Each structure stands twice: as C-alpha cells, then as structure tokens.
C-alpha cells in the first residue's frame, strides 16, 4: 500500500490535471463569447444585483484595474451598464442589461448541459461522494 505522502502527492497531481482539464473544457463551453472572469462578473450581478467595481474585484480576487478591463469589455458588448448611485453621485454602480441576462442564461444552460454530459458515467452516489469530499476540502462541516 502507498504511503500517505505518496497518496497526497498523487491527489495533488490529479487535482491539477482535473481542474486544468475542466477549465479548458468550460472555456470551450463559453465558446469565446465570454471569458471566465466576464462570466463570473455576470454571475455576481445576476445573484446580487447592482455592484461597485470594488465589490467585483474582491469577489473575483483580482485588481481594480483588471475589473475595469473586464467591465469595459462587457460594456462594449452591451451586457452591463454603468449607473451613478442614487445615494452618492460619485459612486458608479455596474448593473446587468437585458442582453447580459440573456447571454448569462444561454451560457449557464450550456454549462448545465456540459456538466450533465461530462459526469453522466457517475452514479448519483458517486456524485454525492465527490460533493461531500469537496465540501470537506473546502472546510465545510458536511
């Protein structure tokens, strides 16, 4: 039987491989319509409504300048709009447009279909086990 250190090393190698592979496949699902960060900005706007750039940068754990570049792209595609805050005119909020909601829904559906197909050979019990293990890795008490 393998030593614990060898098992952990194998797990680390497999994690890197699997996550790289999934990220590459998800990027193909996005079909060059959006980058991962563009999609994540749209997701936050869908989930939480209007946001400030600083909130988006904290959520994505990226710099303010990176968020500016991402939101500039989304703005040029018509997926978001910048609006002055009604409470403080110095603050500019970012909100989702109808086109942004539509592209988010379309890509979300593609992602849903991708994951269902990608893991169709897993039993429900295996998926539950993987989910339980990921929660444990994340530090959840499930």
C-alpha atoms as a PDB file:
ATOM      1  CA  UNK A   1       0.000   0.000   0.000  1.00  0.00           C
ATOM      2  CA  UNK A   2       1.177   3.506  -0.785  1.00  0.00           C
ATOM      3  CA  UNK A   3       2.437   5.746   1.960  1.00  0.00           C
ATOM      4  CA  UNK A   4       0.286   8.722   2.917  1.00  0.00           C
ATOM      5  CA  UNK A   5       2.820  11.153   1.436  1.00  0.00           C
ATOM      6  CA  UNK A   6       2.667   9.340  -1.926  1.00  0.00           C
ATOM      7  CA  UNK A   7      -1.133   9.331  -1.804  1.00  0.00           C
ATOM      8  CA  UNK A   8      -1.255  13.076  -1.111  1.00  0.00           C
ATOM      9  CA  UNK A   9       1.241  13.728  -3.928  1.00  0.00           C
ATOM     10  CA  UNK A  10      -0.890  11.677  -6.331  1.00  0.00           C
ATOM     11  CA  UNK A  11      -4.001  13.567  -5.205  1.00  0.00           C
ATOM     12  CA  UNK A  12      -2.282  16.919  -5.804  1.00  0.00           C
ATOM     13  CA  UNK A  13      -1.211  15.849  -9.284  1.00  0.00           C
ATOM     14  CA  UNK A  14      -4.708  14.612 -10.121  1.00  0.00           C
ATOM     15  CA  UNK A  15      -6.293  17.825  -8.782  1.00  0.00           C
ATOM     16  CA  UNK A  16      -4.067  19.927 -11.038  1.00  0.00           C
ATOM     17  CA  UNK A  17      -4.815  17.759 -14.057  1.00  0.00           C
ATOM     18  CA  UNK A  18      -8.578  17.551 -13.498  1.00  0.00           C
ATOM     19  CA  UNK A  19      -9.034  21.256 -12.758  1.00  0.00           C
ATOM     20  CA  UNK A  20      -6.917  22.255 -15.764  1.00  0.00           C
ATOM     21  CA  UNK A  21      -8.928  19.901 -17.970  1.00  0.00           C
ATOM     22  CA  UNK A  22     -12.280  21.147 -16.639  1.00  0.00           C
ATOM     23  CA  UNK A  23     -11.220  24.787 -17.011  1.00  0.00           C
ATOM     24  CA  UNK A  24     -10.209  24.155 -20.622  1.00  0.00           C
ATOM     25  CA  UNK A  25     -13.480  22.368 -21.376  1.00  0.00           C
ATOM     26  CA  UNK A  26     -15.547  25.112 -19.692  1.00  0.00           C
ATOM     27  CA  UNK A  27     -13.742  27.726 -21.779  1.00  0.00           C
ATOM     28  CA  UNK A  28     -14.863  25.770 -24.844  1.00  0.00           C
ATOM     29  CA  UNK A  29     -18.441  25.867 -23.489  1.00  0.00           C
ATOM     30  CA  UNK A  30     -18.152  29.658 -23.281  1.00  0.00           C
ATOM     31  CA  UNK A  31     -17.279  29.367 -26.980  1.00  0.00           C
ATOM     32  CA  UNK A  32     -15.226  32.574 -26.930  1.00  0.00           C
ATOM     33  CA  UNK A  33     -18.405  34.544 -26.182  1.00  0.00           C
ATOM     34  CA  UNK A  34     -17.115  35.398 -22.710  1.00  0.00           C
ATOM     35  CA  UNK A  35     -14.007  34.885 -20.628  1.00  0.00           C
ATOM     36  CA  UNK A  36     -14.311  33.124 -17.302  1.00  0.00           C
ATOM     37  CA  UNK A  37     -13.981  36.433 -15.444  1.00  0.00           C
ATOM     38  CA  UNK A  38     -16.601  38.069 -17.667  1.00  0.00           C
ATOM     39  CA  UNK A  39     -18.973  35.216 -16.877  1.00  0.00           C
ATOM     40  CA  UNK A  40     -18.196  35.486 -13.163  1.00  0.00           C
ATOM     41  CA  UNK A  41     -18.967  39.227 -13.203  1.00  0.00           C
ATOM     42  CA  UNK A  42     -22.293  38.498 -14.872  1.00  0.00           C
ATOM     43  CA  UNK A  43     -22.952  35.744 -12.313  1.00  0.00           C
ATOM     44  CA  UNK A  44     -22.377  38.122  -9.417  1.00  0.00           C
ATOM     45  CA  UNK A  45     -24.675  40.713 -10.984  1.00  0.00           C
ATOM     46  CA  UNK A  46     -27.360  38.059 -11.543  1.00  0.00           C
ATOM     47  CA  UNK A  47     -27.019  36.751  -7.993  1.00  0.00           C
ATOM     48  CA  UNK A  48     -26.582  40.040  -6.131  1.00  0.00           C
ATOM     49  CA  UNK A  49     -27.829  42.851  -8.349  1.00  0.00           C
ATOM     50  CA  UNK A  50     -26.018  46.159  -8.886  1.00  0.00           C
ATOM     51  CA  UNK A  51     -22.436  46.174  -7.668  1.00  0.00           C
ATOM     52  CA  UNK A  52     -19.492  48.519  -7.352  1.00  0.00           C
ATOM     53  CA  UNK A  53     -16.247  47.667  -9.108  1.00  0.00           C
ATOM     54  CA  UNK A  54     -14.532  47.255  -5.753  1.00  0.00           C
ATOM     55  CA  UNK A  55     -17.047  44.575  -4.740  1.00  0.00           C
ATOM     56  CA  UNK A  56     -16.497  42.755  -8.021  1.00  0.00           C
ATOM     57  CA  UNK A  57     -12.704  42.851  -7.627  1.00  0.00           C
ATOM     58  CA  UNK A  58     -12.971  41.467  -4.073  1.00  0.00           C
ATOM     59  CA  UNK A  59     -15.357  38.718  -5.224  1.00  0.00           C
ATOM     60  CA  UNK A  60     -13.067  37.652  -8.062  1.00  0.00           C
ATOM     61  CA  UNK A  61      -9.906  38.351  -6.050  1.00  0.00           C
ATOM     62  CA  UNK A  62      -8.402  40.451  -8.820  1.00  0.00           C
ATOM     63  CA  UNK A  63      -7.103  44.002  -9.041  1.00  0.00           C
ATOM     64  CA  UNK A  64      -9.311  47.025  -9.634  1.00  0.00           C
ATOM     65  CA  UNK A  65      -7.573  47.613 -12.962  1.00  0.00           C
ATOM     66  CA  UNK A  66      -8.429  44.063 -14.055  1.00  0.00           C
ATOM     67  CA  UNK A  67     -12.100  44.623 -13.182  1.00  0.00           C
ATOM     68  CA  UNK A  68     -12.033  47.854 -15.161  1.00  0.00           C
ATOM     69  CA  UNK A  69     -10.745  45.954 -18.201  1.00  0.00           C
ATOM     70  CA  UNK A  70     -13.338  43.183 -17.784  1.00  0.00           C
ATOM     71  CA  UNK A  71     -16.227  45.591 -17.262  1.00  0.00           C
ATOM     72  CA  UNK A  72     -15.082  47.707 -20.230  1.00  0.00           C
ATOM     73  CA  UNK A  73     -15.365  44.588 -22.414  1.00  0.00           C
ATOM     74  CA  UNK A  74     -18.788  43.708 -21.007  1.00  0.00           C
ATOM     75  CA  UNK A  75     -19.912  47.292 -21.531  1.00  0.00           C
ATOM     76  CA  UNK A  76     -18.743  47.243 -25.169  1.00  0.00           C
ATOM     77  CA  UNK A  77     -20.721  44.009 -25.705  1.00  0.00           C
ATOM     78  CA  UNK A  78     -23.826  45.605 -24.194  1.00  0.00           C
ATOM     79  CA  UNK A  79     -24.021  43.118 -21.311  1.00  0.00           C
ATOM     80  CA  UNK A  80     -23.664  45.643 -18.495  1.00  0.00           C
ATOM     81  CA  UNK A  81     -24.324  49.321 -17.893  1.00  0.00           C
ATOM     82  CA  UNK A  82     -22.657  51.789 -15.566  1.00  0.00           C
ATOM     83  CA  UNK A  83     -25.051  53.876 -13.485  1.00  0.00           C
ATOM     84  CA  UNK A  84     -24.385  56.609 -10.974  1.00  0.00           C
ATOM     85  CA  UNK A  85     -25.524  55.714  -7.493  1.00  0.00           C
ATOM     86  CA  UNK A  86     -28.716  57.444  -6.473  1.00  0.00           C
ATOM     87  CA  UNK A  87     -27.363  57.872  -2.934  1.00  0.00           C
ATOM     88  CA  UNK A  88     -23.925  59.216  -3.834  1.00  0.00           C
ATOM     89  CA  UNK A  89     -23.338  60.604  -7.330  1.00  0.00           C
ATOM     90  CA  UNK A  90     -19.577  59.982  -7.000  1.00  0.00           C
ATOM     91  CA  UNK A  91     -20.179  56.223  -6.953  1.00  0.00           C
ATOM     92  CA  UNK A  92     -20.744  54.320 -10.163  1.00  0.00           C
ATOM     93  CA  UNK A  93     -22.600  51.034  -9.935  1.00  0.00           C
ATOM     94  CA  UNK A  94     -22.499  48.268 -12.507  1.00  0.00           C
ATOM     95  CA  UNK A  95     -25.721  46.561 -13.470  1.00  0.00           C
ATOM     96  CA  UNK A  96     -26.766  43.799 -15.800  1.00  0.00           C
ATOM     97  CA  UNK A  97     -28.580  44.654 -19.029  1.00  0.00           C
ATOM     98  CA  UNK A  98     -31.261  42.521 -20.626  1.00  0.00           C
ATOM     99  CA  UNK A  99     -28.673  41.341 -23.183  1.00  0.00           C
ATOM    100  CA  UNK A 100     -26.346  40.442 -20.309  1.00  0.00           C
ATOM    101  CA  UNK A 101     -29.083  38.404 -18.647  1.00  0.00           C
ATOM    102  CA  UNK A 102     -29.806  36.648 -21.955  1.00  0.00           C
ATOM    103  CA  UNK A 103     -26.159  35.697 -22.615  1.00  0.00           C
ATOM    104  CA  UNK A 104     -25.744  34.599 -18.991  1.00  0.00           C
ATOM    105  CA  UNK A 105     -28.814  32.352 -19.260  1.00  0.00           C
ATOM    106  CA  UNK A 106     -27.637  30.880 -22.565  1.00  0.00           C
ATOM    107  CA  UNK A 107     -24.146  30.094 -21.266  1.00  0.00           C
ATOM    108  CA  UNK A 108     -25.497  28.834 -17.950  1.00  0.00           C
ATOM    109  CA  UNK A 109     -27.663  26.376 -19.882  1.00  0.00           C
ATOM    110  CA  UNK A 110     -24.643  25.265 -21.948  1.00  0.00           C
ATOM    111  CA  UNK A 111     -22.660  24.758 -18.727  1.00  0.00           C
ATOM    112  CA  UNK A 112     -25.502  22.766 -17.170  1.00  0.00           C
ATOM    113  CA  UNK A 113     -25.670  20.510 -20.226  1.00  0.00           C
ATOM    114  CA  UNK A 114     -21.877  20.153 -20.277  1.00  0.00           C
ATOM    115  CA  UNK A 115     -21.698  19.036 -16.640  1.00  0.00           C
ATOM    116  CA  UNK A 116     -24.597  16.603 -17.037  1.00  0.00           C
ATOM    117  CA  UNK A 117     -22.857  15.033 -20.023  1.00  0.00           C
ATOM    118  CA  UNK A 118     -19.367  15.212 -18.501  1.00  0.00           C
ATOM    119  CA  UNK A 119     -20.453  13.276 -15.421  1.00  0.00           C
ATOM    120  CA  UNK A 120     -23.118  11.027 -16.949  1.00  0.00           C
ATOM    121  CA  UNK A 121     -20.994   7.947 -16.206  1.00  0.00           C
ATOM    122  CA  UNK A 122     -21.020   8.788 -12.472  1.00  0.00           C
ATOM    123  CA  UNK A 123     -23.760   7.294 -10.317  1.00  0.00           C
ATOM    124  CA  UNK A 124     -25.761   9.634  -8.078  1.00  0.00           C
ATOM    125  CA  UNK A 125     -23.936   8.101  -5.098  1.00  0.00           C
ATOM    126  CA  UNK A 126     -20.541   8.841  -6.660  1.00  0.00           C
ATOM    127  CA  UNK A 127     -21.544  12.466  -7.295  1.00  0.00           C
ATOM    128  CA  UNK A 128     -22.739  12.747  -3.688  1.00  0.00           C
ATOM    129  CA  UNK A 129     -19.390  11.345  -2.529  1.00  0.00           C
ATOM    130  CA  UNK A 130     -17.393  13.791  -4.680  1.00  0.00           C
ATOM    131  CA  UNK A 131     -19.539  16.660  -3.407  1.00  0.00           C
ATOM    132  CA  UNK A 132     -19.031  15.539   0.186  1.00  0.00           C
ATOM    133  CA  UNK A 133     -15.263  15.341  -0.324  1.00  0.00           C
ATOM    134  CA  UNK A 134     -15.134  18.799  -1.936  1.00  0.00           C
ATOM    135  CA  UNK A 135     -17.097  20.224   0.991  1.00  0.00           C
ATOM    136  CA  UNK A 136     -14.594  18.601   3.325  1.00  0.00           C
ATOM    137  CA  UNK A 137     -11.660  20.054   1.369  1.00  0.00           C
ATOM    138  CA  UNK A 138     -13.359  23.464   1.373  1.00  0.00           C
ATOM    139  CA  UNK A 139     -13.657  23.269   5.139  1.00  0.00           C
ATOM    140  CA  UNK A 140     -17.427  22.922   5.368  1.00  0.00           C
ATOM    141  CA  UNK A 141     -18.753  20.795   8.169  1.00  0.00           C
ATOM    142  CA  UNK A 142     -20.886  18.497   5.978  1.00  0.00           C
END
